[in-house]
């Protein structure tokens, strides 16, 4: 496969299970993180998946590491929702890390085409607006996530937020 300027390019460090060829492991990563599934489904034949399919276009051994490879995978932009970082990352790294053909997997690098980056709107305003709202200047803003994230009553959640702010935090995340 020859990559296109519009492809999202990912480099995964892959450690295949014993007996799994590295090319098969790379192809499995590309398939599982795009159009593939763990079993044959009747809807497979209803459409051509070529337009959406991730492709492992190169695989190289990692120097000095036994049974580790860099699998280079290209994803067409049609696979992703415009302006959604969440959609992009859940597609690329969501379910693939538990794939049976792999003993280990790590995303090493990701190249996103400019045309896709331009679809991200960014925050509605910058850090200066946040500083003005909080009246906090000249230092980093400090916040936390209240734990547990679920299960606290409104009263206890409020108590936790109050204690965080009283202790010097600038904000909490819910």
C-alpha atoms as a PDB file:
ATOM      1  CA  UNK A   1       0.000   0.000   0.000  1.00  0.00           C
ATOM      2  CA  UNK A   2       1.289   3.456  -0.867  1.00  0.00           C
ATOM      3  CA  UNK A   3       0.282   6.026   1.737  1.00  0.00           C
ATOM      4  CA  UNK A   4      -1.622   9.183   0.816  1.00  0.00           C
ATOM      5  CA  UNK A   5      -1.183  12.703   2.177  1.00  0.00           C
ATOM      6  CA  UNK A   6      -4.684  12.385   3.599  1.00  0.00           C
ATOM      7  CA  UNK A   7      -4.011   9.187   5.593  1.00  0.00           C
ATOM      8  CA  UNK A   8      -3.555   9.169   9.346  1.00  0.00           C
ATOM      9  CA  UNK A   9      -0.300   7.274   9.909  1.00  0.00           C
ATOM     10  CA  UNK A  10       0.326   5.306  13.088  1.00  0.00           C
ATOM     11  CA  UNK A  11       3.437   3.470  14.239  1.00  0.00           C
ATOM     12  CA  UNK A  12       2.759   0.656  16.710  1.00  0.00           C
ATOM     13  CA  UNK A  13       5.379  -1.321  18.638  1.00  0.00           C
ATOM     14  CA  UNK A  14       4.082  -4.861  18.279  1.00  0.00           C
ATOM     15  CA  UNK A  15       5.083  -8.010  20.149  1.00  0.00           C
ATOM     16  CA  UNK A  16       3.265 -10.939  18.516  1.00  0.00           C
ATOM     17  CA  UNK A  17       2.231 -14.026  20.448  1.00  0.00           C
ATOM     18  CA  UNK A  18       4.579 -16.992  19.916  1.00  0.00           C
ATOM     19  CA  UNK A  19       3.956 -18.516  16.494  1.00  0.00           C
ATOM     20  CA  UNK A  20       2.265 -15.417  15.049  1.00  0.00           C
ATOM     21  CA  UNK A  21       4.286 -13.937  12.162  1.00  0.00           C
ATOM     22  CA  UNK A  22       4.954 -10.184  12.515  1.00  0.00           C
ATOM     23  CA  UNK A  23       3.203  -9.452   9.203  1.00  0.00           C
ATOM     24  CA  UNK A  24       0.071 -11.169  10.481  1.00  0.00           C
ATOM     25  CA  UNK A  25       0.253  -9.220  13.753  1.00  0.00           C
ATOM     26  CA  UNK A  26       0.609  -5.925  11.854  1.00  0.00           C
ATOM     27  CA  UNK A  27      -2.308  -6.767   9.577  1.00  0.00           C
ATOM     28  CA  UNK A  28      -4.382  -7.730  12.629  1.00  0.00           C
ATOM     29  CA  UNK A  29      -3.692  -4.341  14.255  1.00  0.00           C
ATOM     30  CA  UNK A  30      -4.733  -2.526  11.067  1.00  0.00           C
ATOM     31  CA  UNK A  31      -7.908  -4.578  10.699  1.00  0.00           C
ATOM     32  CA  UNK A  32      -8.994  -4.601  14.346  1.00  0.00           C
ATOM     33  CA  UNK A  33      -8.518  -0.849  14.693  1.00  0.00           C
ATOM     34  CA  UNK A  34     -10.545  -0.063  11.563  1.00  0.00           C
ATOM     35  CA  UNK A  35     -13.053  -2.368   9.840  1.00  0.00           C
ATOM     36  CA  UNK A  36     -12.182  -5.807  11.198  1.00  0.00           C
ATOM     37  CA  UNK A  37     -13.887  -7.793  13.895  1.00  0.00           C
ATOM     38  CA  UNK A  38     -13.018 -10.951  15.787  1.00  0.00           C
ATOM     39  CA  UNK A  39     -15.513 -13.075  13.865  1.00  0.00           C
ATOM     40  CA  UNK A  40     -17.229 -13.242  10.486  1.00  0.00           C
ATOM     41  CA  UNK A  41     -20.489 -11.314  10.425  1.00  0.00           C
ATOM     42  CA  UNK A  42     -23.222 -11.533   7.793  1.00  0.00           C
ATOM     43  CA  UNK A  43     -23.013  -7.792   7.053  1.00  0.00           C
ATOM     44  CA  UNK A  44     -19.411  -8.096   5.771  1.00  0.00           C
ATOM     45  CA  UNK A  45     -20.623  -8.772   2.246  1.00  0.00           C
ATOM     46  CA  UNK A  46     -23.046  -5.847   2.090  1.00  0.00           C
ATOM     47  CA  UNK A  47     -20.442  -3.181   1.341  1.00  0.00           C
ATOM     48  CA  UNK A  48     -16.899  -2.753   0.128  1.00  0.00           C
ATOM     49  CA  UNK A  49     -14.660  -1.985   3.070  1.00  0.00           C
ATOM     50  CA  UNK A  50     -11.663  -0.867   0.998  1.00  0.00           C
ATOM     51  CA  UNK A  51     -12.558   2.787   1.459  1.00  0.00           C
ATOM     52  CA  UNK A  52     -12.427   2.462   5.268  1.00  0.00           C
ATOM     53  CA  UNK A  53      -9.842  -0.242   5.845  1.00  0.00           C
ATOM     54  CA  UNK A  54      -6.656   0.420   7.827  1.00  0.00           C
ATOM     55  CA  UNK A  55      -3.595  -1.008   6.101  1.00  0.00           C
ATOM     56  CA  UNK A  56      -0.293  -2.180   7.547  1.00  0.00           C
ATOM     57  CA  UNK A  57       2.059  -0.880   4.863  1.00  0.00           C
ATOM     58  CA  UNK A  58       5.409  -1.689   6.496  1.00  0.00           C
ATOM     59  CA  UNK A  59       6.819  -3.669   9.388  1.00  0.00           C
ATOM     60  CA  UNK A  60      10.357  -3.406  10.735  1.00  0.00           C
ATOM     61  CA  UNK A  61      12.141  -5.245  13.548  1.00  0.00           C
ATOM     62  CA  UNK A  62      13.067  -3.101  16.568  1.00  0.00           C
ATOM     63  CA  UNK A  63      16.861  -3.011  16.864  1.00  0.00           C
ATOM     64  CA  UNK A  64      18.113  -4.820  19.949  1.00  0.00           C
ATOM     65  CA  UNK A  65      14.676  -6.176  20.927  1.00  0.00           C
ATOM     66  CA  UNK A  66      13.710  -9.786  20.357  1.00  0.00           C
ATOM     67  CA  UNK A  67      10.299 -10.389  18.759  1.00  0.00           C
ATOM     68  CA  UNK A  68       9.396  -6.673  18.696  1.00  0.00           C
ATOM     69  CA  UNK A  69       8.435  -4.841  15.530  1.00  0.00           C
ATOM     70  CA  UNK A  70       7.222  -1.443  14.431  1.00  0.00           C
ATOM     71  CA  UNK A  71       4.044  -1.885  12.415  1.00  0.00           C
ATOM     72  CA  UNK A  72       3.193   1.135  10.274  1.00  0.00           C
ATOM     73  CA  UNK A  73      -0.536   1.489   9.701  1.00  0.00           C
ATOM     74  CA  UNK A  74      -2.348   3.938   7.399  1.00  0.00           C
ATOM     75  CA  UNK A  75      -5.962   4.903   8.065  1.00  0.00           C
ATOM     76  CA  UNK A  76      -8.128   6.709   5.490  1.00  0.00           C
ATOM     77  CA  UNK A  77      -9.837   9.874   6.738  1.00  0.00           C
ATOM     78  CA  UNK A  78     -13.232   8.451   5.732  1.00  0.00           C
ATOM     79  CA  UNK A  79     -12.927   6.220   8.793  1.00  0.00           C
ATOM     80  CA  UNK A  80     -13.135   9.178  11.200  1.00  0.00           C
ATOM     81  CA  UNK A  81     -15.648  11.799  12.241  1.00  0.00           C
ATOM     82  CA  UNK A  82     -14.476  15.323  11.450  1.00  0.00           C
ATOM     83  CA  UNK A  83     -13.472  17.411  14.445  1.00  0.00           C
ATOM     84  CA  UNK A  84     -13.538  14.542  16.954  1.00  0.00           C
ATOM     85  CA  UNK A  85     -10.291  13.698  18.713  1.00  0.00           C
ATOM     86  CA  UNK A  86     -12.245  11.188  20.810  1.00  0.00           C
ATOM     87  CA  UNK A  87     -13.526   9.336  17.747  1.00  0.00           C
ATOM     88  CA  UNK A  88     -10.059   9.233  16.199  1.00  0.00           C
ATOM     89  CA  UNK A  89      -8.336   7.854  19.294  1.00  0.00           C
ATOM     90  CA  UNK A  90     -11.036   5.339  20.211  1.00  0.00           C
ATOM     91  CA  UNK A  91     -10.916   4.021  16.653  1.00  0.00           C
ATOM     92  CA  UNK A  92      -7.132   3.716  16.555  1.00  0.00           C
ATOM     93  CA  UNK A  93      -6.358   2.595  20.111  1.00  0.00           C
ATOM     94  CA  UNK A  94      -9.713   1.530  21.522  1.00  0.00           C
ATOM     95  CA  UNK A  95     -10.208  -2.215  21.335  1.00  0.00           C
ATOM     96  CA  UNK A  96      -7.004  -3.335  19.633  1.00  0.00           C
ATOM     97  CA  UNK A  97      -4.847  -3.570  22.771  1.00  0.00           C
ATOM     98  CA  UNK A  98      -6.608  -6.721  23.958  1.00  0.00           C
ATOM     99  CA  UNK A  99      -6.239  -8.544  20.642  1.00  0.00           C
ATOM    100  CA  UNK A 100      -5.288 -12.221  21.053  1.00  0.00           C
ATOM    101  CA  UNK A 101      -2.606 -12.303  18.332  1.00  0.00           C
ATOM    102  CA  UNK A 102      -0.556  -9.771  20.318  1.00  0.00           C
ATOM    103  CA  UNK A 103       1.428 -10.224  23.482  1.00  0.00           C
ATOM    104  CA  UNK A 104       2.079  -6.475  23.728  1.00  0.00           C
ATOM    105  CA  UNK A 105       1.209  -3.347  21.772  1.00  0.00           C
ATOM    106  CA  UNK A 106       2.084   0.330  22.157  1.00  0.00           C
ATOM    107  CA  UNK A 107       1.274   3.320  19.981  1.00  0.00           C
ATOM    108  CA  UNK A 108       4.661   4.962  19.337  1.00  0.00           C
ATOM    109  CA  UNK A 109       3.802   7.730  16.876  1.00  0.00           C
ATOM    110  CA  UNK A 110       0.803   9.253  15.146  1.00  0.00           C
ATOM    111  CA  UNK A 111       0.824  11.612  12.160  1.00  0.00           C
ATOM    112  CA  UNK A 112      -2.364  13.478  11.452  1.00  0.00           C
ATOM    113  CA  UNK A 113      -2.814  15.233   8.094  1.00  0.00           C
ATOM    114  CA  UNK A 114      -3.280  18.991   8.143  1.00  0.00           C
ATOM    115  CA  UNK A 115      -6.622  18.662   6.367  1.00  0.00           C
ATOM    116  CA  UNK A 116      -7.975  16.662   9.334  1.00  0.00           C
ATOM    117  CA  UNK A 117      -6.355  18.866  11.986  1.00  0.00           C
ATOM    118  CA  UNK A 118      -8.187  21.851  10.478  1.00  0.00           C
ATOM    119  CA  UNK A 119     -11.533  20.204  11.349  1.00  0.00           C
ATOM    120  CA  UNK A 120     -10.813  20.496  15.084  1.00  0.00           C
ATOM    121  CA  UNK A 121     -12.444  23.651  16.418  1.00  0.00           C
ATOM    122  CA  UNK A 122     -10.418  23.954  19.610  1.00  0.00           C
ATOM    123  CA  UNK A 123     -11.735  25.486  22.809  1.00  0.00           C
ATOM    124  CA  UNK A 124     -14.273  28.320  22.574  1.00  0.00           C
ATOM    125  CA  UNK A 125     -11.828  30.681  24.318  1.00  0.00           C
ATOM    126  CA  UNK A 126      -8.261  30.705  25.581  1.00  0.00           C
ATOM    127  CA  UNK A 127      -6.494  30.516  28.930  1.00  0.00           C
ATOM    128  CA  UNK A 128      -6.754  34.286  29.471  1.00  0.00           C
ATOM    129  CA  UNK A 129     -10.556  34.038  29.781  1.00  0.00           C
ATOM    130  CA  UNK A 130     -10.167  31.250  32.360  1.00  0.00           C
ATOM    131  CA  UNK A 131      -7.641  33.300  34.339  1.00  0.00           C
ATOM    132  CA  UNK A 132      -9.960  36.311  34.251  1.00  0.00           C
ATOM    133  CA  UNK A 133     -12.920  34.229  35.503  1.00  0.00           C
ATOM    134  CA  UNK A 134     -10.836  32.784  38.355  1.00  0.00           C
ATOM    135  CA  UNK A 135      -8.814  35.949  38.990  1.00  0.00           C
ATOM    136  CA  UNK A 136      -5.649  33.791  39.034  1.00  0.00           C
ATOM    137  CA  UNK A 137      -2.517  35.075  37.301  1.00  0.00           C
ATOM    138  CA  UNK A 138       1.226  34.477  37.249  1.00  0.00           C
ATOM    139  CA  UNK A 139       1.160  30.750  38.002  1.00  0.00           C
ATOM    140  CA  UNK A 140      -0.169  27.499  36.583  1.00  0.00           C
ATOM    141  CA  UNK A 141      -3.795  26.680  37.316  1.00  0.00           C
ATOM    142  CA  UNK A 142      -4.188  23.559  39.431  1.00  0.00           C
ATOM    143  CA  UNK A 143      -7.153  21.211  39.463  1.00  0.00           C
ATOM    144  CA  UNK A 144      -8.193  17.631  40.120  1.00  0.00           C
ATOM    145  CA  UNK A 145     -10.827  15.009  39.404  1.00  0.00           C
ATOM    146  CA  UNK A 146     -13.006  14.060  42.367  1.00  0.00           C
ATOM    147  CA  UNK A 147     -12.786  10.345  43.160  1.00  0.00           C
ATOM    148  CA  UNK A 148     -14.715   8.175  43.137  1.00  0.00           C
ATOM    149  CA  UNK A 149     -16.119   9.554  39.883  1.00  0.00           C
ATOM    150  CA  UNK A 150     -19.440   7.804  40.490  1.00  0.00           C
ATOM    151  CA  UNK A 151     -21.514   7.000  43.548  1.00  0.00           C
ATOM    152  CA  UNK A 152     -21.114  10.082  45.749  1.00  0.00           C
ATOM    153  CA  UNK A 153     -24.287  11.840  46.848  1.00  0.00           C
ATOM    154  CA  UNK A 154     -24.629  15.468  45.752  1.00  0.00           C
ATOM    155  CA  UNK A 155     -23.915  16.554  49.330  1.00  0.00           C
ATOM    156  CA  UNK A 156     -20.714  14.491  49.615  1.00  0.00           C
ATOM    157  CA  UNK A 157     -19.582  15.504  46.140  1.00  0.00           C
ATOM    158  CA  UNK A 158     -20.065  19.138  47.144  1.00  0.00           C
ATOM    159  CA  UNK A 159     -18.071  18.562  50.335  1.00  0.00           C
ATOM    160  CA  UNK A 160     -15.210  17.060  48.325  1.00  0.00           C
ATOM    161  CA  UNK A 161     -15.202  20.006  45.887  1.00  0.00           C
ATOM    162  CA  UNK A 162     -15.285  22.468  48.786  1.00  0.00           C
ATOM    163  CA  UNK A 163     -12.297  20.803  50.484  1.00  0.00           C
ATOM    164  CA  UNK A 164     -10.304  20.809  47.245  1.00  0.00           C
ATOM    165  CA  UNK A 165     -10.952  24.500  46.654  1.00  0.00           C
ATOM    166  CA  UNK A 166     -10.320  25.334  50.316  1.00  0.00           C
ATOM    167  CA  UNK A 167      -6.994  23.508  50.036  1.00  0.00           C
ATOM    168  CA  UNK A 168      -5.845  25.743  47.200  1.00  0.00           C
ATOM    169  CA  UNK A 169      -6.980  24.098  43.987  1.00  0.00           C
ATOM    170  CA  UNK A 170      -8.382  26.386  41.316  1.00  0.00           C
ATOM    171  CA  UNK A 171     -10.977  23.995  39.893  1.00  0.00           C
ATOM    172  CA  UNK A 172     -12.285  20.440  39.947  1.00  0.00           C
ATOM    173  CA  UNK A 173     -13.439  18.294  37.042  1.00  0.00           C
ATOM    174  CA  UNK A 174     -16.625  16.254  37.175  1.00  0.00           C
END
